[in-house]
Amino acid sequence: MSSIAATTPIATSDVRAHRDVEPRRTPVSTADLRSAIGRAYRRLAGGPPSSAMLHTLTAQASLETGGGAQMYNYNFGGIKAGSHAGDRANYLTHEVVAGKDLTVRQAFRAYTSLDEGAEDYVRVLSHNFGTALSSAQVGDVRGFAHALKQAGYYTASEDQYASALQSLGGPHAGV
């Protein structure tokens, strides 16, 4: 069973200047999400993800993209642009601030293909959210949600996020 350790350096193949692009809907199926995550993980880790890891990451990408139907610019996890040197698109999103659901315009990473988005999604999780990825490896969905919350990945309530992940994770959600 291969895994990407939080300390395992993963090389970036393409360093480029920041560029603003138009927000573009790039709907995909849940099966497409799952396949792309599996391919990305194999490329980055040198082996396949555990079944539990694949279920957990697919559930999270599904949650963040409305089952793939609300995906923009092949961004798997609502990954914000921050200091990202690649393409970025600005669009409206919901954030919970001080217990209130707000609609705000933010810059998100943008990709030109499903595989490019999946690879960066797995890379971001491994570099910035290693504890969450360790929980995903063993199918600990609540631990995954908790580690993401602690690291500031999402603003929703932890309970709601974990429950949504479990409902999307199928039979492996409670492993």
Protein backbone atom coordinates (compact mmCIF):
# COMPACT_ATOMS: atom_id res chain seq x y z
CA MET A 1 0.00 0.00 0.00
CA SER A 2 1.63 3.24 -1.15
CA SER A 3 1.02 6.52 0.53
CA ILE A 4 2.21 10.06 0.18
CA ALA A 5 3.77 11.18 3.43
CA ALA A 6 3.36 14.78 4.45
CA THR A 7 7.13 15.12 4.25
CA THR A 8 7.55 13.49 0.84
CA PRO A 9 8.60 16.19 -1.59
CA ILE A 10 6.61 16.12 -4.81
CA ALA A 11 8.18 18.06 -7.63
CA THR A 12 6.18 20.61 -9.50
CA SER A 13 6.50 20.03 -13.20
CA ASP A 14 5.35 23.44 -14.37
CA VAL A 15 6.18 26.72 -12.68
CA ARG A 16 4.62 29.67 -14.45
CA ALA A 17 3.49 33.20 -13.81
CA HIS A 18 0.11 34.01 -12.30
CA ARG A 19 -2.58 34.57 -14.95
CA ASP A 20 -6.24 35.48 -14.52
CA VAL A 21 -8.64 33.40 -16.60
CA GLU A 22 -12.40 33.44 -16.96
CA PRO A 23 -14.38 31.15 -14.67
CA ARG A 24 -15.46 28.19 -16.79
CA ARG A 25 -17.78 25.37 -15.76
CA THR A 26 -16.12 22.04 -16.32
CA PRO A 27 -18.72 19.49 -15.21
CA VAL A 28 -17.61 15.89 -14.78
CA SER A 29 -19.15 12.76 -13.30
CA THR A 30 -18.29 11.28 -9.92
CA ALA A 31 -16.68 8.38 -11.80
CA ASP A 32 -14.48 10.91 -13.65
CA LEU A 33 -13.47 12.48 -10.30
CA ARG A 34 -12.59 9.07 -8.89
CA SER A 35 -10.58 7.97 -11.94
CA ALA A 36 -8.64 11.24 -12.14
CA ILE A 37 -7.81 11.16 -8.41
CA GLY A 38 -6.60 7.56 -8.76
CA ARG A 39 -4.38 8.44 -11.74
CA ALA A 40 -2.98 11.51 -9.98
CA TYR A 41 -2.22 9.58 -6.82
CA ARG A 42 -0.43 6.85 -8.79
CA ARG A 43 1.68 9.45 -10.64
CA LEU A 44 2.63 11.30 -7.44
CA ALA A 45 3.02 8.40 -5.00
CA GLY A 46 4.27 5.74 -7.37
CA GLY A 47 1.46 3.33 -6.49
CA PRO A 48 -2.31 3.15 -6.20
CA PRO A 49 -4.22 4.76 -3.33
CA SER A 50 -5.92 2.53 -0.79
CA SER A 51 -9.59 1.92 -1.50
CA ALA A 52 -10.44 3.95 1.62
CA MET A 53 -8.26 6.86 0.43
CA LEU A 54 -9.89 6.85 -2.99
CA HIS A 55 -13.40 6.77 -1.49
CA THR A 56 -12.60 9.60 0.95
CA LEU A 57 -10.95 11.89 -1.60
CA THR A 58 -13.72 11.23 -4.13
CA ALA A 59 -16.31 12.07 -1.47
CA GLN A 60 -14.50 15.32 -0.66
CA ALA A 61 -14.10 16.33 -4.31
CA SER A 62 -17.80 15.48 -4.81
CA LEU A 63 -18.79 17.61 -1.83
CA GLU A 64 -16.72 20.56 -3.04
CA THR A 65 -17.99 20.35 -6.63
CA GLY A 66 -21.61 19.24 -6.30
CA GLY A 67 -20.78 15.73 -7.48
CA GLY A 68 -18.67 17.20 -10.29
CA ALA A 69 -21.64 19.09 -11.78
CA GLN A 70 -20.53 22.43 -10.24
CA MET A 71 -16.81 22.09 -10.98
CA TYR A 72 -15.10 25.21 -12.31
CA ASN A 73 -11.80 25.21 -14.18
CA TYR A 74 -11.17 21.59 -13.10
CA ASN A 75 -10.61 22.68 -9.48
CA PHE A 76 -11.30 19.55 -7.39
CA GLY A 77 -11.44 20.93 -3.91
CA GLY A 78 -12.30 24.59 -4.05
CA ILE A 79 -8.56 25.27 -3.76
CA LYS A 80 -8.05 28.99 -3.39
CA ALA A 81 -5.38 30.67 -5.48
CA GLY A 82 -3.47 32.31 -2.62
CA SER A 83 0.12 32.69 -3.77
CA HIS A 84 -0.35 30.08 -6.54
CA ALA A 85 1.77 31.05 -9.54
CA GLY A 86 -0.50 29.40 -12.11
CA ASP A 87 -3.86 30.30 -13.59
CA ARG A 88 -6.63 31.61 -11.35
CA ALA A 89 -10.30 32.39 -11.82
CA ASN A 90 -12.43 34.68 -9.65
CA TYR A 91 -15.96 33.61 -8.82
CA LEU A 92 -18.59 33.71 -6.11
CA THR A 93 -18.48 31.18 -3.30
CA HIS A 94 -20.05 30.63 0.11
CA GLU A 95 -18.02 31.03 3.27
CA VAL A 96 -19.13 30.78 6.88
CA VAL A 97 -17.78 33.72 8.86
CA ALA A 98 -18.72 34.18 12.53
CA GLY A 99 -21.54 31.67 12.04
CA LYS A 100 -23.05 33.52 9.06
CA ASP A 101 -23.18 32.13 5.53
CA LEU A 102 -21.76 34.81 3.24
CA THR A 103 -21.37 34.99 -0.53
CA VAL A 104 -17.96 36.36 -1.48
CA ARG A 105 -15.88 36.65 -4.65
CA GLN A 106 -12.54 34.86 -4.36
CA ALA A 107 -9.70 33.70 -6.59
CA PHE A 108 -9.41 29.94 -7.10
CA ARG A 109 -6.79 27.88 -8.84
CA ALA A 110 -7.70 27.10 -12.45
CA TYR A 111 -6.52 24.20 -14.59
CA THR A 112 -6.72 23.30 -18.27
CA SER A 113 -7.52 19.61 -17.80
CA LEU A 114 -9.13 17.17 -15.38
CA ASP A 115 -5.80 15.42 -14.78
CA GLU A 116 -3.96 18.69 -14.09
CA GLY A 117 -6.60 19.63 -11.50
CA ALA A 118 -6.54 16.19 -9.88
CA GLU A 119 -2.77 16.18 -9.63
CA ASP A 120 -2.66 19.57 -7.93
CA TYR A 121 -5.51 18.52 -5.60
CA VAL A 122 -3.53 15.47 -4.43
CA ARG A 123 -0.32 17.53 -4.24
CA VAL A 124 -1.98 20.27 -2.13
CA LEU A 125 -3.43 17.69 0.25
CA SER A 126 -0.07 15.94 0.62
CA HIS A 127 1.93 19.15 1.15
CA ASN A 128 -0.49 21.19 3.24
CA PHE A 129 -2.89 18.70 4.82
CA GLY A 130 -0.78 15.60 5.52
CA THR A 131 -2.63 14.72 8.72
CA ALA A 132 -5.92 14.73 6.81
CA LEU A 133 -4.41 12.58 4.08
CA SER A 134 -3.23 10.08 6.72
CA SER A 135 -6.82 9.83 8.00
CA ALA A 136 -8.10 9.36 4.44
CA GLN A 137 -5.59 6.55 3.90
CA VAL A 138 -7.36 4.45 6.54
CA GLY A 139 -10.88 5.67 5.77
CA ASP A 140 -11.28 7.81 8.89
CA VAL A 141 -13.70 10.32 7.37
CA ARG A 142 -14.34 12.17 10.63
CA GLY A 143 -10.58 12.39 11.28
CA PHE A 144 -10.09 13.64 7.71
CA ALA A 145 -12.75 16.35 8.21
CA HIS A 146 -11.31 17.29 11.60
CA ALA A 147 -7.75 17.65 10.27
CA LEU A 148 -8.96 19.75 7.32
CA LYS A 149 -10.94 22.01 9.67
CA GLN A 150 -7.98 22.41 12.04
CA ALA A 151 -5.78 23.42 9.10
CA GLY A 152 -8.33 25.96 7.81
CA TYR A 153 -9.37 24.12 4.63
CA TYR A 154 -13.09 24.91 5.01
CA THR A 155 -15.30 27.28 6.98
CA ALA A 156 -18.46 25.17 7.37
CA SER A 157 -19.28 23.41 10.64
CA GLU A 158 -17.06 20.37 11.17
CA ASP A 159 -20.03 18.18 12.03
CA GLN A 160 -21.92 19.12 8.86
CA TYR A 161 -18.83 18.70 6.67
CA ALA A 162 -17.99 15.27 8.15
CA SER A 163 -21.61 14.11 7.84
CA ALA A 164 -21.74 15.24 4.21
CA LEU A 165 -18.48 13.39 3.48
CA GLN A 166 -19.84 10.24 5.11
CA SER A 167 -23.04 10.41 3.10
CA LEU A 168 -21.04 10.79 -0.13
CA GLY A 169 -18.42 8.18 0.79
CA GLY A 170 -20.63 5.14 0.33
CA PRO A 171 -20.01 1.93 2.26
CA HIS A 172 -16.42 2.85 3.13
CA ALA A 173 -17.35 6.13 4.81
CA GLY A 174 -17.23 4.77 8.32
CA VAL A 175 -14.21 2.49 7.93
